[in-house]
N, C-alpha and C. Protein backbone atom coordinates (compact mmCIF):
# COMPACT_ATOMS: atom_id res chain seq x y z
N MET A 1 10.77 7.71 -16.57
CA MET A 1 10.38 7.62 -15.16
C MET A 1 11.28 8.55 -14.35
N ALA A 2 10.68 9.32 -13.44
CA ALA A 2 11.45 10.26 -12.62
C ALA A 2 12.39 9.50 -11.70
N LYS A 3 13.49 10.19 -11.33
CA LYS A 3 14.51 9.55 -10.50
C LYS A 3 13.94 9.07 -9.17
N ASP A 4 13.07 9.90 -8.53
CA ASP A 4 12.47 9.51 -7.24
C ASP A 4 11.60 8.26 -7.40
N SER A 5 10.84 8.22 -8.51
CA SER A 5 9.97 7.06 -8.76
C SER A 5 10.80 5.80 -8.97
N ARG A 6 11.90 5.93 -9.73
CA ARG A 6 12.77 4.78 -9.95
C ARG A 6 13.37 4.31 -8.64
N GLY A 7 13.79 5.26 -7.80
CA GLY A 7 14.37 4.91 -6.51
C GLY A 7 13.38 4.18 -5.62
N LYS A 8 12.12 4.66 -5.60
CA LYS A 8 11.08 3.99 -4.80
C LYS A 8 10.81 2.60 -5.33
N GLN A 9 10.78 2.48 -6.66
CA GLN A 9 10.52 1.16 -7.25
C GLN A 9 11.66 0.20 -6.94
N THR A 10 12.91 0.68 -7.04
CA THR A 10 14.06 -0.17 -6.72
C THR A 10 14.00 -0.62 -5.27
N LYS A 11 13.73 0.32 -4.38
CA LYS A 11 13.64 -0.02 -2.95
C LYS A 11 12.53 -1.04 -2.72
N GLY A 12 11.37 -0.82 -3.35
CA GLY A 12 10.26 -1.76 -3.22
C GLY A 12 10.59 -3.13 -3.77
N ASP A 13 11.30 -3.16 -4.89
CA ASP A 13 11.70 -4.45 -5.48
C ASP A 13 12.64 -5.22 -4.55
N ILE A 14 13.56 -4.49 -3.94
CA ILE A 14 14.49 -5.14 -3.00
C ILE A 14 13.73 -5.71 -1.81
N ILE A 15 12.80 -4.93 -1.27
CA ILE A 15 12.02 -5.39 -0.11
C ILE A 15 11.19 -6.62 -0.48
N ARG A 16 10.52 -6.59 -1.63
CA ARG A 16 9.68 -7.72 -2.03
C ARG A 16 10.52 -8.99 -2.26
N SER A 17 11.67 -8.82 -2.89
CA SER A 17 12.55 -9.99 -3.10
C SER A 17 13.05 -10.53 -1.77
N ALA A 18 13.36 -9.62 -0.85
CA ALA A 18 13.84 -10.05 0.47
C ALA A 18 12.75 -10.79 1.23
N ILE A 19 11.50 -10.33 1.14
CA ILE A 19 10.39 -11.05 1.79
C ILE A 19 10.36 -12.49 1.28
N HIS A 20 10.44 -12.64 -0.03
CA HIS A 20 10.39 -13.98 -0.62
C HIS A 20 11.57 -14.84 -0.17
N LEU A 21 12.78 -14.29 -0.26
CA LEU A 21 13.98 -15.07 0.09
C LEU A 21 14.04 -15.36 1.59
N PHE A 22 13.72 -14.38 2.42
CA PHE A 22 13.73 -14.61 3.87
C PHE A 22 12.69 -15.67 4.25
N SER A 23 11.55 -15.66 3.58
CA SER A 23 10.52 -16.65 3.91
C SER A 23 10.96 -18.06 3.51
N LEU A 24 11.72 -18.17 2.42
CA LEU A 24 12.19 -19.49 1.97
C LEU A 24 13.37 -20.01 2.76
N HIS A 25 14.35 -19.12 3.03
CA HIS A 25 15.63 -19.56 3.59
C HIS A 25 15.93 -19.02 4.98
N GLY A 26 15.14 -18.08 5.46
CA GLY A 26 15.41 -17.47 6.75
C GLY A 26 16.38 -16.30 6.62
N TYR A 27 16.52 -15.59 7.70
CA TYR A 27 17.38 -14.40 7.73
C TYR A 27 18.85 -14.78 7.60
N PHE A 28 19.28 -15.76 8.38
CA PHE A 28 20.70 -16.09 8.44
C PHE A 28 21.21 -16.84 7.22
N HIS A 29 20.31 -17.49 6.50
CA HIS A 29 20.73 -18.26 5.32
C HIS A 29 20.44 -17.52 4.01
N THR A 30 20.10 -16.25 4.13
CA THR A 30 19.94 -15.39 2.95
C THR A 30 21.01 -14.31 3.03
N SER A 31 21.86 -14.26 2.03
CA SER A 31 22.93 -13.27 2.02
C SER A 31 22.51 -12.03 1.24
N THR A 32 23.25 -10.96 1.45
CA THR A 32 23.02 -9.75 0.67
C THR A 32 23.20 -10.04 -0.81
N ASN A 33 24.20 -10.88 -1.15
CA ASN A 33 24.42 -11.25 -2.55
C ASN A 33 23.23 -12.00 -3.15
N ASP A 34 22.58 -12.84 -2.35
CA ASP A 34 21.37 -13.54 -2.82
C ASP A 34 20.30 -12.52 -3.23
N ILE A 35 20.16 -11.50 -2.40
CA ILE A 35 19.15 -10.47 -2.66
C ILE A 35 19.53 -9.65 -3.89
N LEU A 36 20.82 -9.32 -4.01
CA LEU A 36 21.29 -8.58 -5.18
C LEU A 36 21.03 -9.36 -6.46
N GLN A 37 21.31 -10.67 -6.44
CA GLN A 37 21.08 -11.50 -7.62
C GLN A 37 19.60 -11.57 -7.98
N ALA A 38 18.75 -11.68 -6.96
CA ALA A 38 17.31 -11.80 -7.20
C ALA A 38 16.71 -10.52 -7.77
N THR A 39 17.29 -9.38 -7.41
CA THR A 39 16.74 -8.10 -7.84
C THR A 39 17.49 -7.49 -9.01
N SER A 40 18.68 -8.03 -9.32
CA SER A 40 19.54 -7.48 -10.38
C SER A 40 19.88 -6.01 -10.14
N VAL A 41 20.08 -5.66 -8.87
CA VAL A 41 20.54 -4.29 -8.57
C VAL A 41 22.00 -4.35 -8.13
N SER A 42 22.66 -3.25 -8.28
CA SER A 42 24.07 -3.17 -7.90
C SER A 42 24.21 -3.06 -6.39
N LYS A 43 25.41 -3.37 -5.92
CA LYS A 43 25.71 -3.22 -4.50
C LYS A 43 25.52 -1.76 -4.08
N GLY A 44 25.94 -0.85 -4.96
CA GLY A 44 25.79 0.58 -4.67
C GLY A 44 24.34 0.98 -4.50
N ALA A 45 23.48 0.45 -5.38
CA ALA A 45 22.04 0.76 -5.29
C ALA A 45 21.45 0.20 -3.99
N PHE A 46 21.89 -1.01 -3.64
CA PHE A 46 21.41 -1.61 -2.39
C PHE A 46 21.76 -0.71 -1.21
N TYR A 47 23.04 -0.34 -1.12
CA TYR A 47 23.50 0.44 0.04
C TYR A 47 23.05 1.90 -0.01
N HIS A 48 22.54 2.32 -1.15
CA HIS A 48 21.90 3.64 -1.21
C HIS A 48 20.60 3.63 -0.40
N HIS A 49 19.91 2.48 -0.41
CA HIS A 49 18.61 2.37 0.27
C HIS A 49 18.71 1.75 1.66
N PHE A 50 19.68 0.89 1.89
CA PHE A 50 19.78 0.17 3.16
C PHE A 50 21.22 0.16 3.66
N LYS A 51 21.39 0.39 4.95
CA LYS A 51 22.74 0.42 5.53
C LYS A 51 23.33 -0.97 5.66
N SER A 52 22.46 -1.98 5.81
CA SER A 52 22.92 -3.34 6.08
C SER A 52 21.78 -4.31 5.80
N LYS A 53 22.07 -5.61 5.89
CA LYS A 53 21.02 -6.62 5.75
C LYS A 53 20.00 -6.47 6.87
N GLU A 54 20.47 -6.15 8.08
CA GLU A 54 19.54 -5.96 9.19
C GLU A 54 18.62 -4.78 8.93
N ASP A 55 19.17 -3.70 8.39
CA ASP A 55 18.35 -2.53 8.05
C ASP A 55 17.28 -2.92 7.03
N LEU A 56 17.66 -3.73 6.04
CA LEU A 56 16.69 -4.23 5.07
C LEU A 56 15.63 -5.08 5.77
N ALA A 57 16.05 -5.97 6.67
CA ALA A 57 15.10 -6.84 7.37
C ALA A 57 14.09 -6.02 8.18
N LEU A 58 14.54 -4.92 8.76
CA LEU A 58 13.61 -4.05 9.49
C LEU A 58 12.60 -3.40 8.55
N ALA A 59 13.07 -3.01 7.36
CA ALA A 59 12.16 -2.45 6.34
C ALA A 59 11.18 -3.53 5.86
N VAL A 60 11.67 -4.75 5.74
CA VAL A 60 10.81 -5.88 5.37
C VAL A 60 9.70 -6.05 6.40
N LEU A 61 10.05 -6.00 7.66
CA LEU A 61 9.04 -6.17 8.72
C LEU A 61 8.03 -5.03 8.71
N ASP A 62 8.48 -3.81 8.42
CA ASP A 62 7.54 -2.70 8.28
C ASP A 62 6.56 -2.97 7.14
N GLN A 63 7.07 -3.51 6.04
CA GLN A 63 6.22 -3.84 4.89
C GLN A 63 5.25 -4.96 5.24
N VAL A 64 5.73 -5.93 6.00
CA VAL A 64 4.86 -7.05 6.41
C VAL A 64 3.69 -6.53 7.25
N VAL A 65 3.96 -5.61 8.17
CA VAL A 65 2.88 -5.03 8.99
C VAL A 65 1.89 -4.30 8.09
N GLU A 66 2.41 -3.51 7.16
CA GLU A 66 1.53 -2.78 6.24
C GLU A 66 0.67 -3.76 5.43
N ASP A 67 1.29 -4.85 4.96
CA ASP A 67 0.55 -5.87 4.21
C ASP A 67 -0.54 -6.50 5.06
N TYR A 68 -0.22 -6.84 6.30
CA TYR A 68 -1.22 -7.43 7.19
C TYR A 68 -2.38 -6.47 7.41
N GLN A 69 -2.06 -5.20 7.61
CA GLN A 69 -3.13 -4.23 7.84
C GLN A 69 -4.02 -4.08 6.62
N GLN A 70 -3.40 -3.98 5.43
CA GLN A 70 -4.17 -3.77 4.21
C GLN A 70 -4.91 -5.03 3.75
N MET A 71 -4.24 -6.16 3.81
CA MET A 71 -4.78 -7.39 3.23
C MET A 71 -5.64 -8.21 4.19
N ILE A 72 -5.44 -7.99 5.49
CA ILE A 72 -6.20 -8.77 6.48
C ILE A 72 -6.97 -7.84 7.42
N GLY A 73 -6.26 -6.95 8.11
CA GLY A 73 -6.89 -6.12 9.13
C GLY A 73 -8.05 -5.28 8.61
N GLU A 74 -7.82 -4.54 7.52
CA GLU A 74 -8.87 -3.67 7.00
C GLU A 74 -10.09 -4.45 6.49
N PRO A 75 -9.88 -5.52 5.70
CA PRO A 75 -11.06 -6.31 5.28
C PRO A 75 -11.82 -6.92 6.47
N VAL A 76 -11.09 -7.37 7.48
CA VAL A 76 -11.74 -7.95 8.66
C VAL A 76 -12.60 -6.90 9.36
N MET A 77 -12.03 -5.71 9.57
CA MET A 77 -12.78 -4.68 10.28
C MET A 77 -13.93 -4.10 9.45
N ALA A 78 -13.91 -4.36 8.13
CA ALA A 78 -15.01 -3.92 7.27
C ALA A 78 -16.24 -4.83 7.41
N VAL A 79 -16.06 -6.01 8.02
CA VAL A 79 -17.20 -6.90 8.28
C VAL A 79 -18.06 -6.26 9.36
N GLU A 80 -19.31 -5.99 9.05
CA GLU A 80 -20.17 -5.22 9.96
C GLU A 80 -20.44 -5.94 11.27
N ASP A 81 -20.66 -7.23 11.20
CA ASP A 81 -21.02 -8.01 12.39
C ASP A 81 -19.75 -8.46 13.12
N PRO A 82 -19.48 -7.89 14.32
CA PRO A 82 -18.27 -8.29 15.06
C PRO A 82 -18.23 -9.78 15.37
N GLY A 83 -19.39 -10.40 15.44
CA GLY A 83 -19.45 -11.82 15.72
C GLY A 83 -18.88 -12.68 14.61
N GLN A 84 -18.84 -12.15 13.40
CA GLN A 84 -18.35 -12.90 12.24
C GLN A 84 -16.88 -12.62 11.92
N ARG A 85 -16.29 -11.64 12.57
CA ARG A 85 -14.93 -11.22 12.21
C ARG A 85 -13.86 -12.29 12.45
N PRO A 86 -13.87 -13.02 13.58
CA PRO A 86 -12.83 -14.05 13.76
C PRO A 86 -12.89 -15.12 12.66
N MET A 87 -14.10 -15.54 12.27
CA MET A 87 -14.23 -16.56 11.23
C MET A 87 -13.76 -16.00 9.89
N PHE A 88 -14.12 -14.75 9.61
CA PHE A 88 -13.67 -14.12 8.36
C PHE A 88 -12.15 -14.03 8.33
N MET A 89 -11.55 -13.69 9.47
CA MET A 89 -10.09 -13.57 9.52
C MET A 89 -9.42 -14.91 9.27
N LEU A 90 -9.95 -15.97 9.85
CA LEU A 90 -9.40 -17.30 9.60
C LEU A 90 -9.49 -17.64 8.11
N ASN A 91 -10.63 -17.36 7.51
CA ASN A 91 -10.81 -17.63 6.08
C ASN A 91 -9.83 -16.81 5.24
N ARG A 92 -9.63 -15.55 5.62
CA ARG A 92 -8.75 -14.66 4.86
C ARG A 92 -7.29 -15.14 4.94
N ILE A 93 -6.87 -15.56 6.12
CA ILE A 93 -5.50 -16.06 6.29
C ILE A 93 -5.28 -17.31 5.43
N VAL A 94 -6.24 -18.22 5.47
CA VAL A 94 -6.14 -19.43 4.64
C VAL A 94 -6.08 -19.05 3.17
N GLU A 95 -6.98 -18.18 2.75
CA GLU A 95 -7.05 -17.76 1.35
C GLU A 95 -5.72 -17.19 0.87
N LEU A 96 -5.13 -16.29 1.65
CA LEU A 96 -3.86 -15.67 1.25
C LEU A 96 -2.74 -16.70 1.20
N ASN A 97 -2.66 -17.57 2.20
CA ASN A 97 -1.59 -18.56 2.23
C ASN A 97 -1.73 -19.59 1.11
N GLU A 98 -2.95 -19.87 0.69
CA GLU A 98 -3.16 -20.87 -0.36
C GLU A 98 -2.85 -20.32 -1.75
N THR A 99 -2.71 -19.01 -1.90
CA THR A 99 -2.41 -18.44 -3.23
C THR A 99 -1.00 -18.77 -3.68
N GLY A 100 -0.10 -19.01 -2.74
CA GLY A 100 1.30 -19.21 -3.09
C GLY A 100 2.05 -17.91 -3.29
N GLN A 101 1.36 -16.79 -3.21
CA GLN A 101 1.97 -15.47 -3.40
C GLN A 101 2.18 -14.74 -2.08
N TRP A 102 1.64 -15.26 -1.01
CA TRP A 102 1.68 -14.61 0.30
C TRP A 102 2.74 -15.30 1.14
N SER A 103 3.84 -14.60 1.39
CA SER A 103 4.97 -15.19 2.13
C SER A 103 5.07 -14.68 3.56
N ASN A 104 4.20 -13.77 3.95
CA ASN A 104 4.37 -13.06 5.22
C ASN A 104 4.24 -13.96 6.45
N CYS A 105 3.29 -14.89 6.42
CA CYS A 105 3.12 -15.78 7.58
C CYS A 105 4.35 -16.67 7.75
N LEU A 106 4.84 -17.21 6.65
CA LEU A 106 6.01 -18.07 6.71
C LEU A 106 7.24 -17.27 7.15
N LEU A 107 7.38 -16.06 6.63
CA LEU A 107 8.51 -15.22 7.02
C LEU A 107 8.50 -14.97 8.54
N LEU A 108 7.35 -14.61 9.07
CA LEU A 108 7.27 -14.35 10.52
C LEU A 108 7.52 -15.62 11.33
N ALA A 109 7.02 -16.75 10.84
CA ALA A 109 7.27 -18.01 11.55
C ALA A 109 8.77 -18.32 11.58
N ARG A 110 9.45 -18.13 10.45
CA ARG A 110 10.90 -18.37 10.39
C ARG A 110 11.65 -17.39 11.29
N PHE A 111 11.31 -16.11 11.17
CA PHE A 111 12.00 -15.10 11.97
C PHE A 111 11.78 -15.34 13.46
N ALA A 112 10.59 -15.74 13.85
CA ALA A 112 10.31 -15.98 15.27
C ALA A 112 11.21 -17.08 15.82
N GLN A 113 11.46 -18.11 15.01
CA GLN A 113 12.35 -19.19 15.44
C GLN A 113 13.80 -18.73 15.46
N GLU A 114 14.22 -18.04 14.40
CA GLU A 114 15.62 -17.63 14.28
C GLU A 114 16.03 -16.58 15.30
N MET A 115 15.15 -15.68 15.61
CA MET A 115 15.53 -14.53 16.42
C MET A 115 15.74 -14.86 17.90
N THR A 116 15.43 -16.09 18.28
CA THR A 116 15.75 -16.49 19.65
C THR A 116 17.27 -16.52 19.86
N GLN A 117 18.03 -16.62 18.76
CA GLN A 117 19.50 -16.67 18.82
C GLN A 117 20.15 -15.33 18.45
N HIS A 118 19.36 -14.28 18.41
CA HIS A 118 19.85 -12.99 17.91
C HIS A 118 19.47 -11.90 18.91
N GLU A 119 20.26 -10.84 18.94
CA GLU A 119 19.96 -9.71 19.81
C GLU A 119 19.84 -8.45 18.97
N GLY A 120 19.16 -7.46 19.50
CA GLY A 120 19.07 -6.18 18.81
C GLY A 120 17.66 -5.83 18.39
N LYS A 121 17.58 -4.93 17.42
CA LYS A 121 16.29 -4.40 16.99
C LYS A 121 15.42 -5.43 16.28
N LEU A 122 16.06 -6.34 15.56
CA LEU A 122 15.31 -7.29 14.75
C LEU A 122 14.41 -8.21 15.59
N PRO A 123 14.94 -8.90 16.61
CA PRO A 123 14.04 -9.73 17.42
C PRO A 123 12.99 -8.92 18.16
N GLU A 124 13.35 -7.69 18.55
CA GLU A 124 12.37 -6.81 19.21
C GLU A 124 11.21 -6.50 18.28
N GLN A 125 11.54 -6.24 17.00
CA GLN A 125 10.51 -5.92 16.02
C GLN A 125 9.63 -7.13 15.72
N VAL A 126 10.25 -8.30 15.60
CA VAL A 126 9.48 -9.53 15.36
C VAL A 126 8.52 -9.77 16.53
N SER A 127 9.03 -9.65 17.74
CA SER A 127 8.20 -9.84 18.93
C SER A 127 7.06 -8.83 18.97
N SER A 128 7.36 -7.59 18.62
CA SER A 128 6.35 -6.54 18.61
C SER A 128 5.23 -6.85 17.61
N ILE A 129 5.60 -7.34 16.43
CA ILE A 129 4.60 -7.66 15.41
C ILE A 129 3.72 -8.82 15.87
N ILE A 130 4.33 -9.85 16.42
CA ILE A 130 3.55 -11.00 16.86
C ILE A 130 2.62 -10.61 18.01
N ASN A 131 3.10 -9.77 18.92
CA ASN A 131 2.23 -9.29 20.00
C ASN A 131 1.11 -8.42 19.47
N TRP A 132 1.39 -7.63 18.42
CA TRP A 132 0.34 -6.83 17.79
C TRP A 132 -0.72 -7.75 17.20
N MET A 133 -0.29 -8.84 16.54
CA MET A 133 -1.23 -9.78 15.95
C MET A 133 -2.07 -10.46 17.03
N ILE A 134 -1.42 -10.87 18.11
CA ILE A 134 -2.16 -11.49 19.22
C ILE A 134 -3.17 -10.51 19.78
N GLY A 135 -2.76 -9.25 19.94
CA GLY A 135 -3.68 -8.23 20.45
C GLY A 135 -4.87 -8.01 19.53
N PHE A 136 -4.62 -8.06 18.22
CA PHE A 136 -5.70 -7.91 17.26
C PHE A 136 -6.69 -9.06 17.38
N TRP A 137 -6.15 -10.29 17.44
CA TRP A 137 -7.01 -11.46 17.64
C TRP A 137 -7.78 -11.35 18.96
N GLN A 138 -7.10 -10.90 20.01
CA GLN A 138 -7.74 -10.79 21.32
C GLN A 138 -8.97 -9.88 21.26
N GLN A 139 -8.82 -8.74 20.57
CA GLN A 139 -9.94 -7.81 20.46
C GLN A 139 -11.08 -8.41 19.63
N LEU A 140 -10.71 -9.08 18.53
CA LEU A 140 -11.74 -9.74 17.71
C LEU A 140 -12.52 -10.76 18.52
N ILE A 141 -11.79 -11.55 19.30
CA ILE A 141 -12.42 -12.61 20.10
C ILE A 141 -13.32 -12.00 21.17
N ALA A 142 -12.83 -10.97 21.85
CA ALA A 142 -13.64 -10.33 22.90
C ALA A 142 -14.92 -9.74 22.30
N ASP A 143 -14.80 -9.10 21.14
CA ASP A 143 -15.99 -8.53 20.48
C ASP A 143 -16.96 -9.61 20.05
N ALA A 144 -16.42 -10.74 19.55
CA ALA A 144 -17.27 -11.84 19.12
C ALA A 144 -17.94 -12.52 20.33
N GLN A 145 -17.24 -12.56 21.46
CA GLN A 145 -17.86 -13.09 22.68
C GLN A 145 -19.04 -12.21 23.09
N ALA A 146 -18.86 -10.90 23.01
CA ALA A 146 -19.94 -9.97 23.35
C ALA A 146 -21.12 -10.15 22.40
N ALA A 147 -20.82 -10.53 21.14
CA ALA A 147 -21.88 -10.75 20.15
C ALA A 147 -22.49 -12.15 20.27
N GLY A 148 -21.87 -13.02 21.08
CA GLY A 148 -22.43 -14.34 21.33
C GLY A 148 -22.02 -15.43 20.35
N THR A 149 -21.00 -15.18 19.51
CA THR A 149 -20.61 -16.20 18.54
C THR A 149 -19.36 -16.98 18.94
N VAL A 150 -18.63 -16.48 19.94
CA VAL A 150 -17.46 -17.18 20.46
C VAL A 150 -17.72 -17.51 21.92
N SER A 151 -17.37 -18.71 22.31
CA SER A 151 -17.62 -19.18 23.67
C SER A 151 -17.04 -18.22 24.71
N ARG A 152 -17.87 -17.88 25.69
CA ARG A 152 -17.43 -16.99 26.78
C ARG A 152 -16.58 -17.74 27.80
N ALA A 153 -16.53 -19.06 27.69
CA ALA A 153 -15.72 -19.85 28.62
C ALA A 153 -14.23 -19.70 28.34
N LEU A 154 -13.88 -19.13 27.19
CA LEU A 154 -12.49 -19.01 26.77
C LEU A 154 -11.94 -17.63 27.10
N GLN A 155 -10.69 -17.59 27.56
CA GLN A 155 -10.02 -16.32 27.84
C GLN A 155 -9.53 -15.72 26.52
N PRO A 156 -9.94 -14.49 26.19
CA PRO A 156 -9.56 -13.91 24.89
C PRO A 156 -8.05 -13.89 24.63
N ARG A 157 -7.25 -13.53 25.63
CA ARG A 157 -5.80 -13.45 25.40
C ARG A 157 -5.21 -14.84 25.15
N THR A 158 -5.60 -15.80 25.97
CA THR A 158 -5.09 -17.17 25.82
C THR A 158 -5.51 -17.75 24.48
N LEU A 159 -6.77 -17.53 24.11
CA LEU A 159 -7.26 -18.04 22.84
C LEU A 159 -6.54 -17.36 21.67
N ALA A 160 -6.27 -16.06 21.79
CA ALA A 160 -5.54 -15.33 20.75
C ALA A 160 -4.13 -15.90 20.58
N GLU A 161 -3.48 -16.22 21.69
CA GLU A 161 -2.13 -16.82 21.61
C GLU A 161 -2.19 -18.21 20.98
N LEU A 162 -3.22 -18.98 21.33
CA LEU A 162 -3.38 -20.33 20.80
C LEU A 162 -3.61 -20.29 19.28
N VAL A 163 -4.51 -19.42 18.84
CA VAL A 163 -4.83 -19.32 17.41
C VAL A 163 -3.61 -18.85 16.62
N THR A 164 -2.92 -17.83 17.11
CA THR A 164 -1.73 -17.32 16.43
C THR A 164 -0.66 -18.40 16.33
N GLY A 165 -0.41 -19.09 17.45
CA GLY A 165 0.58 -20.15 17.47
C GLY A 165 0.21 -21.30 16.54
N ALA A 166 -1.05 -21.68 16.52
CA ALA A 166 -1.50 -22.79 15.67
C ALA A 166 -1.33 -22.44 14.19
N LEU A 167 -1.69 -21.24 13.82
CA LEU A 167 -1.59 -20.85 12.41
C LEU A 167 -0.14 -20.73 11.95
N PHE A 168 0.69 -20.08 12.77
CA PHE A 168 2.11 -19.97 12.41
C PHE A 168 2.77 -21.35 12.37
N GLY A 169 2.41 -22.18 13.35
CA GLY A 169 2.98 -23.53 13.38
C GLY A 169 2.57 -24.34 12.16
N ALA A 170 1.31 -24.21 11.76
CA ALA A 170 0.81 -24.96 10.60
C ALA A 170 1.51 -24.52 9.33
N VAL A 171 1.69 -23.21 9.17
CA VAL A 171 2.37 -22.68 7.98
C VAL A 171 3.82 -23.16 7.95
N GLY A 172 4.50 -23.08 9.08
CA GLY A 172 5.89 -23.52 9.15
C GLY A 172 6.03 -25.01 8.93
N PHE A 173 5.12 -25.80 9.50
CA PHE A 173 5.20 -27.26 9.36
C PHE A 173 4.95 -27.67 7.92
N ARG A 174 4.06 -26.97 7.24
CA ARG A 174 3.79 -27.27 5.84
C ARG A 174 5.08 -27.15 5.01
N GLU A 175 5.86 -26.10 5.28
CA GLU A 175 7.12 -25.90 4.57
C GLU A 175 8.14 -26.99 4.94
N LEU A 176 8.18 -27.34 6.20
CA LEU A 176 9.12 -28.36 6.67
C LEU A 176 8.86 -29.70 5.99
N GLU A 177 7.59 -30.03 5.87
CA GLU A 177 7.22 -31.29 5.24
C GLU A 177 7.44 -31.27 3.73
N GLY A 178 7.47 -30.06 3.15
CA GLY A 178 7.69 -29.95 1.71
C GLY A 178 6.55 -30.46 0.87
N LYS A 179 5.36 -30.47 1.43
CA LYS A 179 4.19 -30.92 0.68
C LYS A 179 2.97 -30.13 1.15
N PRO A 180 1.90 -30.16 0.38
CA PRO A 180 0.70 -29.42 0.79
C PRO A 180 0.23 -29.85 2.18
N PHE A 181 -0.13 -28.88 2.96
CA PHE A 181 -0.59 -29.11 4.33
C PHE A 181 -1.94 -28.42 4.45
N ASN A 182 -2.94 -29.13 4.94
CA ASN A 182 -4.30 -28.60 4.84
C ASN A 182 -4.59 -27.54 5.90
N LEU A 183 -4.25 -26.30 5.56
CA LEU A 183 -4.49 -25.18 6.46
C LEU A 183 -5.99 -24.94 6.64
N THR A 184 -6.77 -25.27 5.62
CA THR A 184 -8.23 -25.09 5.70
C THR A 184 -8.81 -25.95 6.81
N LYS A 185 -8.36 -27.20 6.91
CA LYS A 185 -8.89 -28.09 7.96
C LYS A 185 -8.51 -27.57 9.35
N ILE A 186 -7.29 -27.05 9.48
CA ILE A 186 -6.87 -26.51 10.76
C ILE A 186 -7.74 -25.32 11.13
N ALA A 187 -7.97 -24.43 10.17
CA ALA A 187 -8.83 -23.27 10.42
C ALA A 187 -10.24 -23.71 10.78
N ASP A 188 -10.75 -24.74 10.10
CA ASP A 188 -12.10 -25.24 10.41
C ASP A 188 -12.17 -25.79 11.83
N HIS A 189 -11.12 -26.47 12.27
CA HIS A 189 -11.10 -26.99 13.65
C HIS A 189 -11.00 -25.86 14.66
N VAL A 190 -10.24 -24.82 14.33
CA VAL A 190 -10.19 -23.65 15.23
C VAL A 190 -11.58 -23.04 15.35
N LYS A 191 -12.30 -22.94 14.23
CA LYS A 191 -13.66 -22.38 14.26
C LYS A 191 -14.57 -23.21 15.17
N MET A 192 -14.47 -24.53 15.04
CA MET A 192 -15.30 -25.40 15.88
C MET A 192 -14.93 -25.25 17.35
N MET A 193 -13.65 -25.09 17.60
CA MET A 193 -13.17 -24.99 18.98
C MET A 193 -13.68 -23.72 19.66
N ILE A 194 -13.73 -22.61 18.90
CA ILE A 194 -14.07 -21.33 19.54
C ILE A 194 -15.55 -20.99 19.48
N ALA A 195 -16.32 -21.71 18.64
CA ALA A 195 -17.71 -21.34 18.44
C ALA A 195 -18.53 -21.53 19.72
N ALA A 196 -19.40 -20.58 19.98
CA ALA A 196 -20.31 -20.68 21.13
C ALA A 196 -21.38 -21.71 20.83
N GLY A 197 -21.71 -22.51 21.86
CA GLY A 197 -22.82 -23.45 21.76
C GLY A 197 -22.65 -24.47 20.68
């Protein structure tokens, strides 16, 4: 394997391990040593790719955005009927979270809570991602209202904030309880709440 390819793979392995550990334990309760142990890379290799744990966390958030775009955004926008996109997105989010392999929603929920006590680029990036997600939902809802499948009585921005908050809260609460939490039922109730007529 070429040196550049190995370097990219090492960097990717560190980011993926950090996503998993940050989603389980949060930013402040995950140490650089925890990440090194999980990836079996040396301290030198870590610092070759990242200046600090915060630098890694910023790279993690970039990866999370890319994952959301590829795994949720693109499939949603591939649905031809704009009226069906919000329902498809709810189904897709449930599907990914139920696999046990998708840690991104939990990671963002944890970071959103933790970053209220932190200053700098990290909370700004978390806020930016959540606002991007709300904006995406807002556009889906507005398009679905125009198509007649989502109630026009609802404000798209407010509804987007409500849906985002409900989903993140449900994912976080499921972890807090330490037992299966029925995200499907929550998504079904959101669908009933927003459906026109």
